[in-house]
Amino acid sequence: MSSAAFNSWSDFFAMGGYGFYVWLAVAVTLLSLLGLLTHTLWQRKQLLVEIRRQAAREQRIRQSNQKMAVPQSANRQEKSL
């Protein structure tokens, strides 16, 4: 025995006279979820950009420190001679 909740598609969309409110609530919910998804993806992209920027900065600092360390050790060797 199969008993459908609605006899036709128009009854389904009408939702017993409350269709406007039901479908408005569905639309608001879906738009909110879409907005949340979009915002989350945008934040993720921004975070990855910031991580890459920070990593590049740290690498430049390390390279600069290594360049400064090499001449100092060379100066020490010259002074010891």
N, C-alpha and C. Protein backbone atom coordinates (compact mmCIF):
# COMPACT_ATOMS: atom_id res chain seq x y z
N MET A 1 0.83 -1.19 0.00
CA MET A 1 0.00 0.00 0.00
C MET A 1 0.87 1.25 0.00
N SER A 2 0.77 1.99 -1.05
CA SER A 2 1.54 3.21 -1.16
C SER A 2 0.61 4.41 -1.01
N SER A 3 0.95 5.25 -0.09
CA SER A 3 0.13 6.44 0.15
C SER A 3 1.01 7.67 0.01
N ALA A 4 0.81 8.42 -1.06
CA ALA A 4 1.61 9.62 -1.30
C ALA A 4 1.06 10.77 -0.47
N ALA A 5 1.96 11.65 -0.06
CA ALA A 5 1.54 12.81 0.74
C ALA A 5 0.80 13.83 -0.11
N PHE A 6 1.12 13.89 -1.40
CA PHE A 6 0.48 14.85 -2.30
C PHE A 6 -0.04 14.10 -3.51
N ASN A 7 -1.20 14.52 -4.00
CA ASN A 7 -1.82 13.86 -5.14
C ASN A 7 -1.26 14.33 -6.48
N SER A 8 -0.68 15.53 -6.51
CA SER A 8 -0.13 16.06 -7.75
C SER A 8 1.03 17.00 -7.43
N TRP A 9 1.74 17.36 -8.49
CA TRP A 9 2.86 18.28 -8.31
C TRP A 9 2.37 19.66 -7.85
N SER A 10 1.22 20.08 -8.35
CA SER A 10 0.70 21.39 -7.93
C SER A 10 0.35 21.37 -6.44
N ASP A 11 -0.16 20.25 -5.94
CA ASP A 11 -0.41 20.13 -4.49
C ASP A 11 0.91 20.17 -3.72
N PHE A 12 1.92 19.54 -4.28
CA PHE A 12 3.23 19.55 -3.63
C PHE A 12 3.76 20.98 -3.52
N PHE A 13 3.70 21.73 -4.63
CA PHE A 13 4.21 23.11 -4.60
C PHE A 13 3.33 24.03 -3.76
N ALA A 14 2.03 23.75 -3.68
CA ALA A 14 1.13 24.58 -2.88
C ALA A 14 1.31 24.33 -1.38
N MET A 15 1.77 23.15 -1.01
CA MET A 15 2.03 22.78 0.38
C MET A 15 0.83 23.09 1.29
N GLY A 16 -0.34 22.72 0.83
CA GLY A 16 -1.53 22.89 1.65
C GLY A 16 -1.87 24.35 1.91
N GLY A 17 -1.52 25.23 0.99
CA GLY A 17 -1.81 26.65 1.15
C GLY A 17 -0.66 27.43 1.77
N TYR A 18 0.37 26.75 2.21
CA TYR A 18 1.52 27.40 2.85
C TYR A 18 2.75 27.39 1.94
N GLY A 19 2.56 27.14 0.68
CA GLY A 19 3.67 27.02 -0.26
C GLY A 19 4.58 28.23 -0.30
N PHE A 20 4.01 29.44 -0.28
CA PHE A 20 4.83 30.65 -0.34
C PHE A 20 5.82 30.66 0.82
N TYR A 21 5.34 30.40 2.02
CA TYR A 21 6.20 30.44 3.21
C TYR A 21 7.20 29.30 3.22
N VAL A 22 6.75 28.13 2.82
CA VAL A 22 7.63 26.96 2.80
C VAL A 22 8.76 27.18 1.80
N TRP A 23 8.42 27.58 0.57
CA TRP A 23 9.44 27.73 -0.46
C TRP A 23 10.33 28.95 -0.21
N LEU A 24 9.75 29.98 0.44
CA LEU A 24 10.57 31.12 0.84
C LEU A 24 11.61 30.67 1.88
N ALA A 25 11.19 29.86 2.83
CA ALA A 25 12.12 29.35 3.85
C ALA A 25 13.19 28.46 3.21
N VAL A 26 12.79 27.64 2.26
CA VAL A 26 13.75 26.79 1.56
C VAL A 26 14.76 27.66 0.81
N ALA A 27 14.28 28.69 0.11
CA ALA A 27 15.16 29.57 -0.65
C ALA A 27 16.14 30.30 0.27
N VAL A 28 15.64 30.82 1.39
CA VAL A 28 16.51 31.54 2.33
C VAL A 28 17.56 30.59 2.88
N THR A 29 17.17 29.38 3.20
CA THR A 29 18.11 28.39 3.74
C THR A 29 19.19 28.06 2.72
N LEU A 30 18.78 27.79 1.48
CA LEU A 30 19.75 27.45 0.45
C LEU A 30 20.69 28.62 0.13
N LEU A 31 20.14 29.83 0.10
CA LEU A 31 20.99 31.01 -0.13
C LEU A 31 21.97 31.21 1.01
N SER A 32 21.52 30.97 2.23
CA SER A 32 22.42 31.09 3.39
C SER A 32 23.54 30.06 3.31
N LEU A 33 23.20 28.83 2.96
CA LEU A 33 24.22 27.79 2.84
C LEU A 33 25.20 28.11 1.70
N LEU A 34 24.68 28.62 0.61
CA LEU A 34 25.55 29.01 -0.51
C LEU A 34 26.47 30.15 -0.09
N GLY A 35 25.94 31.12 0.63
CA GLY A 35 26.76 32.22 1.13
C GLY A 35 27.83 31.73 2.08
N LEU A 36 27.47 30.80 2.96
CA LEU A 36 28.44 30.23 3.90
C LEU A 36 29.54 29.49 3.15
N LEU A 37 29.17 28.71 2.16
CA LEU A 37 30.15 27.98 1.36
C LEU A 37 31.08 28.94 0.63
N THR A 38 30.51 29.97 0.01
CA THR A 38 31.31 30.95 -0.71
C THR A 38 32.28 31.66 0.22
N HIS A 39 31.79 32.08 1.37
CA HIS A 39 32.64 32.78 2.34
C HIS A 39 33.76 31.87 2.84
N THR A 40 33.44 30.61 3.10
CA THR A 40 34.44 29.66 3.59
C THR A 40 35.53 29.45 2.54
N LEU A 41 35.14 29.29 1.29
CA LEU A 41 36.13 29.10 0.22
C LEU A 41 36.99 30.35 0.05
N TRP A 42 36.38 31.53 0.16
CA TRP A 42 37.13 32.78 0.05
C TRP A 42 38.13 32.90 1.20
N GLN A 43 37.69 32.57 2.43
CA GLN A 43 38.59 32.63 3.58
C GLN A 43 39.75 31.65 3.42
N ARG A 44 39.46 30.45 2.91
CA ARG A 44 40.50 29.45 2.70
C ARG A 44 41.54 29.96 1.71
N LYS A 45 41.06 30.57 0.63
CA LYS A 45 41.97 31.11 -0.37
C LYS A 45 42.84 32.20 0.24
N GLN A 46 42.25 33.09 1.02
CA GLN A 46 43.00 34.16 1.67
C GLN A 46 44.03 33.60 2.65
N LEU A 47 43.65 32.56 3.39
CA LEU A 47 44.57 31.94 4.34
C LEU A 47 45.76 31.31 3.62
N LEU A 48 45.50 30.62 2.52
CA LEU A 48 46.59 30.00 1.76
C LEU A 48 47.53 31.06 1.18
N VAL A 49 46.97 32.17 0.71
CA VAL A 49 47.80 33.27 0.20
C VAL A 49 48.67 33.81 1.33
N GLU A 50 48.10 34.00 2.50
CA GLU A 50 48.85 34.53 3.64
C GLU A 50 49.94 33.55 4.07
N ILE A 51 49.65 32.26 4.06
CA ILE A 51 50.65 31.25 4.44
C ILE A 51 51.81 31.28 3.44
N ARG A 52 51.49 31.35 2.13
CA ARG A 52 52.55 31.41 1.12
C ARG A 52 53.39 32.67 1.28
N ARG A 53 52.74 33.79 1.56
CA ARG A 53 53.46 35.05 1.74
C ARG A 53 54.39 34.97 2.94
N GLN A 54 53.90 34.40 4.04
CA GLN A 54 54.70 34.28 5.25
C GLN A 54 55.88 33.32 5.03
N ALA A 55 55.63 32.21 4.33
CA ALA A 55 56.71 31.26 4.05
C ALA A 55 57.79 31.90 3.17
N ALA A 56 57.38 32.67 2.18
CA ALA A 56 58.35 33.34 1.31
C ALA A 56 59.15 34.36 2.11
N ARG A 57 58.50 35.06 3.01
CA ARG A 57 59.20 36.04 3.85
C ARG A 57 60.23 35.34 4.74
N GLU A 58 59.83 34.24 5.36
CA GLU A 58 60.76 33.50 6.23
C GLU A 58 61.94 32.97 5.43
N GLN A 59 61.69 32.53 4.21
CA GLN A 59 62.78 32.03 3.37
C GLN A 59 63.74 33.17 3.02
N ARG A 60 63.21 34.35 2.71
CA ARG A 60 64.08 35.49 2.41
C ARG A 60 64.92 35.86 3.63
N ILE A 61 64.32 35.79 4.81
CA ILE A 61 65.06 36.10 6.05
C ILE A 61 66.18 35.09 6.26
N ARG A 62 65.88 33.80 6.07
CA ARG A 62 66.91 32.75 6.22
C ARG A 62 68.04 32.96 5.23
N GLN A 63 67.71 33.25 3.98
CA GLN A 63 68.75 33.48 2.96
C GLN A 63 69.60 34.69 3.31
N SER A 64 68.97 35.72 3.80
CA SER A 64 69.71 36.92 4.19
C SER A 64 70.64 36.62 5.36
N ASN A 65 70.16 35.85 6.32
CA ASN A 65 71.00 35.49 7.47
C ASN A 65 72.18 34.62 7.03
N GLN A 66 71.95 33.72 6.08
CA GLN A 66 73.04 32.87 5.58
C GLN A 66 74.08 33.70 4.85
N LYS A 67 73.64 34.67 4.06
CA LYS A 67 74.58 35.53 3.33
C LYS A 67 75.41 36.36 4.30
N MET A 68 74.80 36.80 5.37
CA MET A 68 75.52 37.60 6.36
C MET A 68 76.48 36.73 7.17
N ALA A 69 76.15 35.46 7.37
CA ALA A 69 76.98 34.57 8.17
C ALA A 69 78.25 34.18 7.42
N VAL A 70 78.20 34.03 6.13
CA VAL A 70 79.36 33.61 5.34
C VAL A 70 80.48 34.64 5.41
N PRO A 71 80.26 35.92 5.18
CA PRO A 71 81.36 36.88 5.27
C PRO A 71 81.95 36.97 6.67
N GLN A 72 81.16 36.82 7.69
CA GLN A 72 81.68 36.89 9.05
C GLN A 72 82.64 35.74 9.32
N SER A 73 82.30 34.55 8.88
CA SER A 73 83.20 33.41 9.10
C SER A 73 84.46 33.58 8.25
N ALA A 74 84.35 34.15 7.08
CA ALA A 74 85.53 34.41 6.24
C ALA A 74 86.43 35.43 6.91
N ASN A 75 85.86 36.46 7.52
CA ASN A 75 86.65 37.47 8.23
C ASN A 75 87.38 36.84 9.41
N ARG A 76 86.78 35.93 10.10
CA ARG A 76 87.42 35.27 11.24
C ARG A 76 88.63 34.47 10.79
N GLN A 77 88.49 33.80 9.64
CA GLN A 77 89.61 33.01 9.12
C GLN A 77 90.77 33.91 8.73
N GLU A 78 90.48 35.07 8.14
CA GLU A 78 91.54 35.99 7.73
C GLU A 78 92.26 36.55 8.95
N LYS A 79 91.53 36.85 10.01
CA LYS A 79 92.14 37.41 11.21
C LYS A 79 93.01 36.38 11.93
N SER A 80 92.65 35.12 11.83
CA SER A 80 93.43 34.09 12.52
C SER A 80 94.74 33.80 11.81
N LEU A 81 94.86 34.19 10.55
CA LEU A 81 96.09 33.93 9.79
C LEU A 81 97.13 34.88 10.16
